[in-house]
Amino acid sequence: RKGARFLDGLSCSGVKLTGDWDAEQQWAFAHSFTTAKRNKTLKWCDN
């Protein structure tokens, strides 16, 4: 979650989760990365 908040502050238009993530790890990232102000895209691991 802390990592997601840090990455939300960057200028990227979106993120793609890649590698070995389980469902709860992906959800923790999404829950903290998604904000009301910035409309950034989030792509899940393809699993």
All heavy atoms as atom14 arrays in JSON, in Angstrom:
{
  "sequence": "RKGARFLDGLSCSGVKLTGDWDAEQQWAFAHSFTTAKRNKTLKWCDN",
  "atom14_mask": [
    [1, 1, 1, 1, 1, 1, 1, 1, 1, 1, 1, 0, 0, 0],
    [1, 1, 1, 1, 1, 1, 1, 1, 1, 0, 0, 0, 0, 0],
    [1, 1, 1, 1, 0, 0, 0, 0, 0, 0, 0, 0, 0, 0],
    [1, 1, 1, 1, 1, 0, 0, 0, 0, 0, 0, 0, 0, 0],
    [1, 1, 1, 1, 1, 1, 1, 1, 1, 1, 1, 0, 0, 0],
    [1, 1, 1, 1, 1, 1, 1, 1, 1, 1, 1, 0, 0, 0],
    [1, 1, 1, 1, 1, 1, 1, 1, 0, 0, 0, 0, 0, 0],
    [1, 1, 1, 1, 1, 1, 1, 1, 0, 0, 0, 0, 0, 0],
    [1, 1, 1, 1, 0, 0, 0, 0, 0, 0, 0, 0, 0, 0],
    [1, 1, 1, 1, 1, 1, 1, 1, 0, 0, 0, 0, 0, 0],
    [1, 1, 1, 1, 1, 1, 0, 0, 0, 0, 0, 0, 0, 0],
    [1, 1, 1, 1, 1, 1, 0, 0, 0, 0, 0, 0, 0, 0],
    [1, 1, 1, 1, 1, 1, 0, 0, 0, 0, 0, 0, 0, 0],
    [1, 1, 1, 1, 0, 0, 0, 0, 0, 0, 0, 0, 0, 0],
    [1, 1, 1, 1, 1, 1, 1, 0, 0, 0, 0, 0, 0, 0],
    [1, 1, 1, 1, 1, 1, 1, 1, 1, 0, 0, 0, 0, 0],
    [1, 1, 1, 1, 1, 1, 1, 1, 0, 0, 0, 0, 0, 0],
    [1, 1, 1, 1, 1, 1, 1, 0, 0, 0, 0, 0, 0, 0],
    [1, 1, 1, 1, 0, 0, 0, 0, 0, 0, 0, 0, 0, 0],
    [1, 1, 1, 1, 1, 1, 1, 1, 0, 0, 0, 0, 0, 0],
    [1, 1, 1, 1, 1, 1, 1, 1, 1, 1, 1, 1, 1, 1],
    [1, 1, 1, 1, 1, 1, 1, 1, 0, 0, 0, 0, 0, 0],
    [1, 1, 1, 1, 1, 0, 0, 0, 0, 0, 0, 0, 0, 0],
    [1, 1, 1, 1, 1, 1, 1, 1, 1, 0, 0, 0, 0, 0],
    [1, 1, 1, 1, 1, 1, 1, 1, 1, 0, 0, 0, 0, 0],
    [1, 1, 1, 1, 1, 1, 1, 1, 1, 0, 0, 0, 0, 0],
    [1, 1, 1, 1, 1, 1, 1, 1, 1, 1, 1, 1, 1, 1],
    [1, 1, 1, 1, 1, 0, 0, 0, 0, 0, 0, 0, 0, 0],
    [1, 1, 1, 1, 1, 1, 1, 1, 1, 1, 1, 0, 0, 0],
    [1, 1, 1, 1, 1, 0, 0, 0, 0, 0, 0, 0, 0, 0],
    [1, 1, 1, 1, 1, 1, 1, 1, 1, 1, 0, 0, 0, 0],
    [1, 1, 1, 1, 1, 1, 0, 0, 0, 0, 0, 0, 0, 0],
    [1, 1, 1, 1, 1, 1, 1, 1, 1, 1, 1, 0, 0, 0],
    [1, 1, 1, 1, 1, 1, 1, 0, 0, 0, 0, 0, 0, 0],
    [1, 1, 1, 1, 1, 1, 1, 0, 0, 0, 0, 0, 0, 0],
    [1, 1, 1, 1, 1, 0, 0, 0, 0, 0, 0, 0, 0, 0],
    [1, 1, 1, 1, 1, 1, 1, 1, 1, 0, 0, 0, 0, 0],
    [1, 1, 1, 1, 1, 1, 1, 1, 1, 1, 1, 0, 0, 0],
    [1, 1, 1, 1, 1, 1, 1, 1, 0, 0, 0, 0, 0, 0],
    [1, 1, 1, 1, 1, 1, 1, 1, 1, 0, 0, 0, 0, 0],
    [1, 1, 1, 1, 1, 1, 1, 0, 0, 0, 0, 0, 0, 0],
    [1, 1, 1, 1, 1, 1, 1, 1, 0, 0, 0, 0, 0, 0],
    [1, 1, 1, 1, 1, 1, 1, 1, 1, 0, 0, 0, 0, 0],
    [1, 1, 1, 1, 1, 1, 1, 1, 1, 1, 1, 1, 1, 1],
    [1, 1, 1, 1, 1, 1, 0, 0, 0, 0, 0, 0, 0, 0],
    [1, 1, 1, 1, 1, 1, 1, 1, 0, 0, 0, 0, 0, 0],
    [1, 1, 1, 1, 1, 1, 1, 1, 0, 0, 0, 0, 0, 0]
  ],
  "atom14_positions": [
    [[0.83, -1.21, 0.0], [0.0, 0.0, 0.0], [0.86, 1.26, 0.0], [0.59, 2.22, -0.71], [-0.92, 0.0, 1.23], [-2.02, -1.05, 1.19], [-2.89, -0.95, 2.44], [-3.88, -2.0, 2.52], [-5.06, -1.97, 1.92], [-5.39, -0.92, 1.19], [-5.9, -2.98, 2.03], [0.0, 0.0, 0.0], [0.0, 0.0, 0.0], [0.0, 0.0, 0.0]],
    [[1.91, 1.26, 0.82], [2.81, 2.41, 0.85], [3.5, 2.61, -0.5], [3.65, 3.75, -0.97], [3.84, 2.23, 1.96], [3.26, 2.32, 3.36], [4.32, 2.05, 4.42], [3.72, 2.11, 5.82], [4.74, 1.81, 6.87], [0.0, 0.0, 0.0], [0.0, 0.0, 0.0], [0.0, 0.0, 0.0], [0.0, 0.0, 0.0], [0.0, 0.0, 0.0]],
    [[3.89, 1.51, -1.11], [4.49, 1.61, -2.43], [3.53, 2.17, -3.46], [3.9, 3.0, -4.31], [0.0, 0.0, 0.0], [0.0, 0.0, 0.0], [0.0, 0.0, 0.0], [0.0, 0.0, 0.0], [0.0, 0.0, 0.0], [0.0, 0.0, 0.0], [0.0, 0.0, 0.0], [0.0, 0.0, 0.0], [0.0, 0.0, 0.0], [0.0, 0.0, 0.0]],
    [[2.27, 1.76, -3.38], [1.25, 2.26, -4.3], [1.04, 3.76, -4.13], [0.9, 4.49, -5.12], [-0.06, 1.51, -4.07], [0.0, 0.0, 0.0], [0.0, 0.0, 0.0], [0.0, 0.0, 0.0], [0.0, 0.0, 0.0], [0.0, 0.0, 0.0], [0.0, 0.0, 0.0], [0.0, 0.0, 0.0], [0.0, 0.0, 0.0], [0.0, 0.0, 0.0]],
    [[1.03, 4.22, -2.87], [0.85, 5.66, -2.64], [2.04, 6.44, -3.21], [1.86, 7.52, -3.79], [0.72, 5.94, -1.14], [-0.51, 5.33, -0.48], [-1.83, 5.86, -1.06], [-1.87, 7.29, -1.04], [-2.1, 8.03, -2.11], [-2.31, 7.47, -3.3], [-2.13, 9.34, -2.03], [0.0, 0.0, 0.0], [0.0, 0.0, 0.0], [0.0, 0.0, 0.0]],
    [[3.24, 5.89, -3.06], [4.43, 6.56, -3.61], [4.33, 6.64, -5.13], [4.56, 7.7, -5.73], [5.68, 5.81, -3.18], [6.95, 6.35, -3.8], [7.54, 7.49, -3.32], [7.53, 5.7, -4.88], [8.7, 7.99, -3.9], [8.68, 6.18, -5.46], [9.27, 7.34, -4.97], [0.0, 0.0, 0.0], [0.0, 0.0, 0.0], [0.0, 0.0, 0.0]],
    [[3.96, 5.53, -5.76], [3.9, 5.5, -7.23], [2.76, 6.35, -7.76], [2.85, 6.88, -8.88], [3.75, 4.06, -7.71], [4.95, 3.15, -7.41], [4.65, 1.71, -7.82], [6.21, 3.65, -8.11], [0.0, 0.0, 0.0], [0.0, 0.0, 0.0], [0.0, 0.0, 0.0], [0.0, 0.0, 0.0], [0.0, 0.0, 0.0], [0.0, 0.0, 0.0]],
    [[1.72, 6.53, -6.98], [0.63, 7.41, -7.41], [1.11, 8.84, -7.61], [0.56, 9.59, -8.41], [-0.51, 7.38, -6.38], [-1.61, 8.38, -6.7], [-2.17, 8.29, -7.81], [-1.88, 9.25, -5.86], [0.0, 0.0, 0.0], [0.0, 0.0, 0.0], [0.0, 0.0, 0.0], [0.0, 0.0, 0.0], [0.0, 0.0, 0.0], [0.0, 0.0, 0.0]],
    [[2.14, 9.22, -6.87], [2.65, 10.58, -6.98], [3.53, 10.82, -8.2], [3.92, 11.98, -8.46], [0.0, 0.0, 0.0], [0.0, 0.0, 0.0], [0.0, 0.0, 0.0], [0.0, 0.0, 0.0], [0.0, 0.0, 0.0], [0.0, 0.0, 0.0], [0.0, 0.0, 0.0], [0.0, 0.0, 0.0], [0.0, 0.0, 0.0], [0.0, 0.0, 0.0]],
    [[3.81, 9.79, -8.97], [4.64, 9.95, -10.17], [3.79, 10.41, -11.35], [2.57, 10.37, -11.31], [5.34, 8.63, -10.5], [6.22, 8.04, -9.4], [6.87, 6.75, -9.89], [7.27, 9.03, -8.94], [0.0, 0.0, 0.0], [0.0, 0.0, 0.0], [0.0, 0.0, 0.0], [0.0, 0.0, 0.0], [0.0, 0.0, 0.0], [0.0, 0.0, 0.0]],
    [[4.43, 10.78, -12.42], [3.73, 11.35, -13.57], [3.27, 10.31, -14.59], [2.8, 10.66, -15.67], [4.62, 12.38, -14.29], [5.83, 11.76, -14.71], [0.0, 0.0, 0.0], [0.0, 0.0, 0.0], [0.0, 0.0, 0.0], [0.0, 0.0, 0.0], [0.0, 0.0, 0.0], [0.0, 0.0, 0.0], [0.0, 0.0, 0.0], [0.0, 0.0, 0.0]],
    [[3.35, 9.03, -14.25], [2.95, 8.01, -15.21], [1.43, 8.03, -15.4], [0.68, 8.41, -14.5], [3.39, 6.62, -14.73], [2.69, 6.14, -13.15], [0.0, 0.0, 0.0], [0.0, 0.0, 0.0], [0.0, 0.0, 0.0], [0.0, 0.0, 0.0], [0.0, 0.0, 0.0], [0.0, 0.0, 0.0], [0.0, 0.0, 0.0], [0.0, 0.0, 0.0]],
    [[0.98, 7.62, -16.58], [-0.46, 7.63, -16.88], [-1.17, 6.39, -16.34], [-2.39, 6.37, -16.22], [-0.68, 7.72, -18.39], [-0.06, 6.63, -19.04], [0.0, 0.0, 0.0], [0.0, 0.0, 0.0], [0.0, 0.0, 0.0], [0.0, 0.0, 0.0], [0.0, 0.0, 0.0], [0.0, 0.0, 0.0], [0.0, 0.0, 0.0], [0.0, 0.0, 0.0]],
    [[-0.39, 5.35, -16.04], [-1.0, 4.13, -15.52], [0.06, 3.12, -15.16], [1.27, 3.33, -15.41], [0.0, 0.0, 0.0], [0.0, 0.0, 0.0], [0.0, 0.0, 0.0], [0.0, 0.0, 0.0], [0.0, 0.0, 0.0], [0.0, 0.0, 0.0], [0.0, 0.0, 0.0], [0.0, 0.0, 0.0], [0.0, 0.0, 0.0], [0.0, 0.0, 0.0]],
    [[-0.36, 2.02, -14.55], [0.59, 0.98, -14.14], [0.09, -0.37, -14.62], [-1.11, -0.59, -14.83], [0.78, 0.96, -12.61], [1.37, 2.26, -12.11], [-0.53, 0.64, -11.89], [0.0, 0.0, 0.0], [0.0, 0.0, 0.0], [0.0, 0.0, 0.0], [0.0, 0.0, 0.0], [0.0, 0.0, 0.0], [0.0, 0.0, 0.0], [0.0, 0.0, 0.0]],
    [[1.03, -1.29, -14.76], [0.73, -2.67, -15.11], [1.44, -3.57, -14.1], [2.66, -3.52, -13.96], [1.24, -2.99, -16.52], [1.19, -4.48, -16.9], [-0.23, -4.94, -17.17], [-0.26, -6.35, -17.77], [0.05, -7.39, -16.76], [0.0, 0.0, 0.0], [0.0, 0.0, 0.0], [0.0, 0.0, 0.0], [0.0, 0.0, 0.0], [0.0, 0.0, 0.0]],
    [[0.65, -4.33, -13.33], [1.23, -5.26, -12.37], [1.76, -6.48, -13.12], [1.04, -7.07, -13.92], [0.19, -5.67, -11.33], [-0.52, -4.52, -10.6], [-1.46, -5.06, -9.54], [0.48, -3.54, -10.0], [0.0, 0.0, 0.0], [0.0, 0.0, 0.0], [0.0, 0.0, 0.0], [0.0, 0.0, 0.0], [0.0, 0.0, 0.0], [0.0, 0.0, 0.0]],
    [[2.98, -6.83, -12.84], [3.59, -7.93, -13.58], [4.43, -8.78, -12.64], [4.88, -8.31, -11.6], [4.48, -7.38, -14.72], [4.96, -8.46, -15.51], [5.65, -6.57, -14.19], [0.0, 0.0, 0.0], [0.0, 0.0, 0.0], [0.0, 0.0, 0.0], [0.0, 0.0, 0.0], [0.0, 0.0, 0.0], [0.0, 0.0, 0.0], [0.0, 0.0, 0.0]],
    [[4.6, -10.03, -13.0], [5.36, -10.93, -12.16], [4.45, -11.75, -11.26], [3.3, -12.04, -11.59], [0.0, 0.0, 0.0], [0.0, 0.0, 0.0], [0.0, 0.0, 0.0], [0.0, 0.0, 0.0], [0.0, 0.0, 0.0], [0.0, 0.0, 0.0], [0.0, 0.0, 0.0], [0.0, 0.0, 0.0], [0.0, 0.0, 0.0], [0.0, 0.0, 0.0]],
    [[4.95, -12.09, -10.08], [4.26, -13.01, -9.17], [3.53, -12.24, -8.08], [4.09, -11.92, -7.03], [5.28, -13.98, -8.57], [4.62, -15.09, -7.77], [3.4, -15.28, -7.95], [5.31, -15.74, -6.98], [0.0, 0.0, 0.0], [0.0, 0.0, 0.0], [0.0, 0.0, 0.0], [0.0, 0.0, 0.0], [0.0, 0.0, 0.0], [0.0, 0.0, 0.0]],
    [[2.26, -11.92, -8.33], [1.39, -11.25, -7.34], [0.22, -12.18, -7.04], [-0.41, -12.72, -7.95], [0.79, -9.97, -7.9], [1.71, -8.84, -8.24], [2.64, -8.8, -9.23], [1.74, -7.56, -7.6], [3.26, -7.58, -9.26], [2.73, -6.79, -8.27], [1.04, -6.99, -6.55], [3.02, -5.47, -7.9], [1.32, -5.68, -6.18], [2.31, -4.93, -6.84]],
    [[-0.13, -12.34, -5.76], [-1.38, -13.04, -5.47], [-2.53, -12.03, -5.44], [-2.31, -10.81, -5.57], [-1.29, -13.86, -4.18], [-1.12, -13.04, -2.92], [-1.6, -11.89, -2.87], [-0.52, -13.55, -1.94], [0.0, 0.0, 0.0], [0.0, 0.0, 0.0], [0.0, 0.0, 0.0], [0.0, 0.0, 0.0], [0.0, 0.0, 0.0], [0.0, 0.0, 0.0]],
    [[-3.75, -12.51, -5.27], [-4.93, -11.64, -5.37], [-4.91, -10.55, -4.3], [-5.22, -9.38, -4.59], [-6.2, -12.48, -5.26], [0.0, 0.0, 0.0], [0.0, 0.0, 0.0], [0.0, 0.0, 0.0], [0.0, 0.0, 0.0], [0.0, 0.0, 0.0], [0.0, 0.0, 0.0], [0.0, 0.0, 0.0], [0.0, 0.0, 0.0], [0.0, 0.0, 0.0]],
    [[-4.57, -10.89, -3.06], [-4.59, -9.89, -1.99], [-3.5, -8.85, -2.18], [-3.69, -7.67, -1.83], [-4.46, -10.58, -0.64], [-5.7, -11.37, -0.23], [-6.96, -10.53, -0.24], [-6.94, -9.37, 0.22], [-7.99, -11.02, -0.75], [0.0, 0.0, 0.0], [0.0, 0.0, 0.0], [0.0, 0.0, 0.0], [0.0, 0.0, 0.0], [0.0, 0.0, 0.0]],
    [[-2.37, -9.23, -2.73], [-1.32, -8.27, -3.0], [-1.76, -7.28, -4.07], [-1.56, -6.06, -3.95], [-0.05, -8.99, -3.42], [0.63, -9.77, -2.3], [1.73, -10.68, -2.79], [1.76, -11.08, -3.96], [2.66, -11.02, -1.91], [0.0, 0.0, 0.0], [0.0, 0.0, 0.0], [0.0, 0.0, 0.0], [0.0, 0.0, 0.0], [0.0, 0.0, 0.0]],
    [[-2.38, -7.79, -5.12], [-2.89, -6.9, -6.18], [-3.96, -5.96, -5.63], [-4.0, -4.78, -5.97], [-3.45, -7.73, -7.34], [-2.41, -8.5, -8.12], [-2.99, -9.14, -9.35], [-3.27, -8.47, -10.35], [-3.21, -10.45, -9.3], [0.0, 0.0, 0.0], [0.0, 0.0, 0.0], [0.0, 0.0, 0.0], [0.0, 0.0, 0.0], [0.0, 0.0, 0.0]],
    [[-4.83, -6.53, -4.78], [-5.92, -5.7, -4.25], [-5.37, -4.6, -3.34], [-5.86, -3.47, -3.36], [-6.91, -6.57, -3.49], [-8.1, -5.78, -3.03], [-8.41, -5.45, -1.75], [-9.1, -5.2, -3.85], [-9.56, -4.69, -1.72], [-10.01, -4.53, -3.0], [-9.33, -5.19, -5.23], [-11.11, -3.85, -3.48], [-10.44, -4.51, -5.72], [-11.32, -3.85, -4.84]],
    [[-4.37, -4.93, -2.52], [-3.78, -3.93, -1.65], [-3.22, -2.78, -2.47], [-3.39, -1.6, -2.12], [-2.68, -4.56, -0.79], [0.0, 0.0, 0.0], [0.0, 0.0, 0.0], [0.0, 0.0, 0.0], [0.0, 0.0, 0.0], [0.0, 0.0, 0.0], [0.0, 0.0, 0.0], [0.0, 0.0, 0.0], [0.0, 0.0, 0.0], [0.0, 0.0, 0.0]],
    [[-2.57, -3.1, -3.58], [-2.01, -2.05, -4.44], [-3.14, -1.2, -5.03], [-3.1, 0.04, -4.96], [-1.18, -2.67, -5.57], [-0.5, -1.64, -6.43], [0.81, -1.26, -6.16], [-1.14, -1.04, -7.5], [1.45, -0.3, -6.94], [-0.53, -0.08, -8.28], [0.78, 0.29, -8.0], [0.0, 0.0, 0.0], [0.0, 0.0, 0.0], [0.0, 0.0, 0.0]],
    [[-4.14, -1.85, -5.6], [-5.24, -1.12, -6.25], [-5.99, -0.24, -5.27], [-6.37, 0.89, -5.58], [-6.19, -2.11, -6.91], [0.0, 0.0, 0.0], [0.0, 0.0, 0.0], [0.0, 0.0, 0.0], [0.0, 0.0, 0.0], [0.0, 0.0, 0.0], [0.0, 0.0, 0.0], [0.0, 0.0, 0.0], [0.0, 0.0, 0.0], [0.0, 0.0, 0.0]],
    [[-6.21, -0.76, -4.07], [-6.98, -0.05, -3.06], [-6.33, 1.26, -2.67], [-7.01, 2.26, -2.39], [-7.12, -0.96, -1.83], [-8.27, -0.65, -0.96], [-8.14, -0.06, 0.26], [-9.61, -0.86, -1.13], [-9.33, 0.11, 0.82], [-10.24, -0.38, -0.01], [0.0, 0.0, 0.0], [0.0, 0.0, 0.0], [0.0, 0.0, 0.0], [0.0, 0.0, 0.0]],
    [[-4.99, 1.3, -2.69], [-4.27, 2.49, -2.28], [-3.82, 3.36, -3.45], [-3.56, 4.55, -3.29], [-3.04, 2.1, -1.44], [-3.44, 1.49, -0.24], [0.0, 0.0, 0.0], [0.0, 0.0, 0.0], [0.0, 0.0, 0.0], [0.0, 0.0, 0.0], [0.0, 0.0, 0.0], [0.0, 0.0, 0.0], [0.0, 0.0, 0.0], [0.0, 0.0, 0.0]],
    [[-3.73, 2.78, -4.64], [-3.27, 3.53, -5.81], [-4.38, 4.37, -6.42], [-4.13, 5.47, -6.93], [-2.72, 2.55, -6.85], [-2.2, 3.21, -8.1], [-0.98, 3.86, -8.09], [-2.92, 3.17, -9.29], [-0.48, 4.47, -9.24], [-2.43, 3.77, -10.43], [-1.21, 4.43, -10.41], [0.0, 0.0, 0.0], [0.0, 0.0, 0.0], [0.0, 0.0, 0.0]],
    [[-5.6, 3.88, -6.39], [-6.71, 4.54, -7.06], [-7.17, 5.75, -6.26], [-7.51, 5.63, -5.09], [-7.89, 3.57, -7.22], [-7.4, 2.35, -7.77], [-8.95, 4.14, -8.12], [0.0, 0.0, 0.0], [0.0, 0.0, 0.0], [0.0, 0.0, 0.0], [0.0, 0.0, 0.0], [0.0, 0.0, 0.0], [0.0, 0.0, 0.0], [0.0, 0.0, 0.0]],
    [[-7.2, 6.93, -6.88], [-7.57, 8.15, -6.18], [-8.77, 8.82, -6.83], [-9.14, 8.52, -7.97], [-6.4, 9.16, -6.18], [-6.19, 9.66, -7.5], [-5.12, 8.52, -5.67], [0.0, 0.0, 0.0], [0.0, 0.0, 0.0], [0.0, 0.0, 0.0], [0.0, 0.0, 0.0], [0.0, 0.0, 0.0], [0.0, 0.0, 0.0], [0.0, 0.0, 0.0]],
    [[-9.37, 9.75, -6.09], [-10.53, 10.49, -6.61], [-10.11, 11.54, -7.63], [-10.89, 11.89, -8.52], [-11.27, 11.16, -5.45], [0.0, 0.0, 0.0], [0.0, 0.0, 0.0], [0.0, 0.0, 0.0], [0.0, 0.0, 0.0], [0.0, 0.0, 0.0], [0.0, 0.0, 0.0], [0.0, 0.0, 0.0], [0.0, 0.0, 0.0], [0.0, 0.0, 0.0]],
    [[-8.89, 12.04, -7.54], [-8.47, 13.19, -8.33], [-7.84, 12.82, -9.67], [-8.1, 13.45, -10.68], [-7.49, 14.03, -7.51], [-7.14, 15.37, -8.12], [-6.29, 16.18, -7.16], [-5.93, 17.54, -7.75], [-5.1, 18.33, -6.8], [0.0, 0.0, 0.0], [0.0, 0.0, 0.0], [0.0, 0.0, 0.0], [0.0, 0.0, 0.0], [0.0, 0.0, 0.0]],
    [[-7.02, 11.77, -9.66], [-6.3, 11.43, -10.88], [-6.86, 10.16, -11.5], [-7.04, 9.16, -10.82], [-4.81, 11.25, -10.57], [-4.11, 12.55, -10.25], [-2.64, 12.34, -9.99], [-2.4, 11.69, -8.72], [-2.29, 12.33, -7.56], [-2.44, 13.64, -7.52], [-2.06, 11.67, -6.45], [0.0, 0.0, 0.0], [0.0, 0.0, 0.0], [0.0, 0.0, 0.0]],
    [[-7.09, 10.2, -12.79], [-7.69, 9.06, -13.49], [-6.59, 8.25, -14.17], [-6.36, 8.34, -15.37], [-8.7, 9.57, -14.53], [-9.44, 8.43, -15.18], [-9.57, 7.35, -14.61], [-9.94, 8.67, -16.38], [0.0, 0.0, 0.0], [0.0, 0.0, 0.0], [0.0, 0.0, 0.0], [0.0, 0.0, 0.0], [0.0, 0.0, 0.0], [0.0, 0.0, 0.0]],
    [[-5.89, 7.45, -13.36], [-4.82, 6.62, -13.9], [-5.33, 5.2, -14.13], [-6.19, 4.71, -13.4], [-3.64, 6.59, -12.92], [-2.96, 7.94, -12.75], [-1.72, 7.84, -11.89], [-0.99, 9.17, -11.8], [0.25, 9.08, -11.0], [0.0, 0.0, 0.0], [0.0, 0.0, 0.0], [0.0, 0.0, 0.0], [0.0, 0.0, 0.0], [0.0, 0.0, 0.0]],
    [[-4.77, 4.55, -15.14], [-5.19, 3.19, -15.45], [-4.43, 2.18, -14.59], [-3.29, 2.43, -14.18], [-4.96, 2.87, -16.93], [-3.56, 2.98, -17.22], [-5.75, 3.82, -17.82], [0.0, 0.0, 0.0], [0.0, 0.0, 0.0], [0.0, 0.0, 0.0], [0.0, 0.0, 0.0], [0.0, 0.0, 0.0], [0.0, 0.0, 0.0], [0.0, 0.0, 0.0]],
    [[-5.08, 1.08, -14.34], [-4.47, -0.01, -13.58], [-4.75, -1.31, -14.31], [-5.91, -1.63, -14.59], [-5.04, -0.06, -12.16], [-4.68, -1.29, -11.32], [-3.19, -1.3, -11.03], [-5.48, -1.3, -10.02], [0.0, 0.0, 0.0], [0.0, 0.0, 0.0], [0.0, 0.0, 0.0], [0.0, 0.0, 0.0], [0.0, 0.0, 0.0], [0.0, 0.0, 0.0]],
    [[-3.71, -2.05, -14.65], [-3.86, -3.34, -15.32], [-3.39, -4.43, -14.39], [-2.28, -4.38, -13.85], [-3.06, -3.35, -16.63], [-3.57, -2.34, -17.66], [-2.73, -2.33, -18.92], [-3.22, -1.29, -19.91], [-2.36, -1.22, -21.12], [0.0, 0.0, 0.0], [0.0, 0.0, 0.0], [0.0, 0.0, 0.0], [0.0, 0.0, 0.0], [0.0, 0.0, 0.0]],
    [[-4.26, -5.44, -14.21], [-3.96, -6.54, -13.32], [-3.0, -7.54, -13.97], [-2.84, -7.54, -15.19], [-5.25, -7.29, -12.95], [-6.35, -6.43, -12.47], [-7.43, -6.0, -13.19], [-6.52, -5.88, -11.15], [-8.26, -5.22, -12.41], [-7.73, -5.13, -11.15], [-5.78, -5.96, -9.97], [-8.19, -4.47, -10.02], [-6.24, -5.29, -8.84], [-7.42, -4.56, -8.87]],
    [[-2.43, -8.38, -13.14], [-1.68, -9.52, -13.68], [-2.64, -10.42, -14.46], [-3.8, -10.59, -14.07], [-1.06, -10.33, -12.55], [0.25, -9.52, -11.65], [0.0, 0.0, 0.0], [0.0, 0.0, 0.0], [0.0, 0.0, 0.0], [0.0, 0.0, 0.0], [0.0, 0.0, 0.0], [0.0, 0.0, 0.0], [0.0, 0.0, 0.0], [0.0, 0.0, 0.0]],
    [[-2.15, -10.96, -15.55], [-2.99, -11.83, -16.37], [-2.91, -13.26, -15.83], [-2.23, -14.12, -16.36], [-2.52, -11.78, -17.83], [-3.49, -12.5, -18.76], [-4.6, -12.84, -18.3], [-3.12, -12.73, -19.92], [0.0, 0.0, 0.0], [0.0, 0.0, 0.0], [0.0, 0.0, 0.0], [0.0, 0.0, 0.0], [0.0, 0.0, 0.0], [0.0, 0.0, 0.0]],
    [[-3.66, -13.48, -14.72], [-3.66, -14.81, -14.12], [-5.07, -15.17, -13.68], [-6.03, -14.49, -14.02], [-2.66, -14.89, -12.95], [-2.97, -13.89, -11.84], [-4.12, -13.47, -11.66], [-1.94, -13.51, -11.09], [0.0, 0.0, 0.0], [0.0, 0.0, 0.0], [0.0, 0.0, 0.0], [0.0, 0.0, 0.0], [0.0, 0.0, 0.0], [0.0, 0.0, 0.0]]
  ]
}
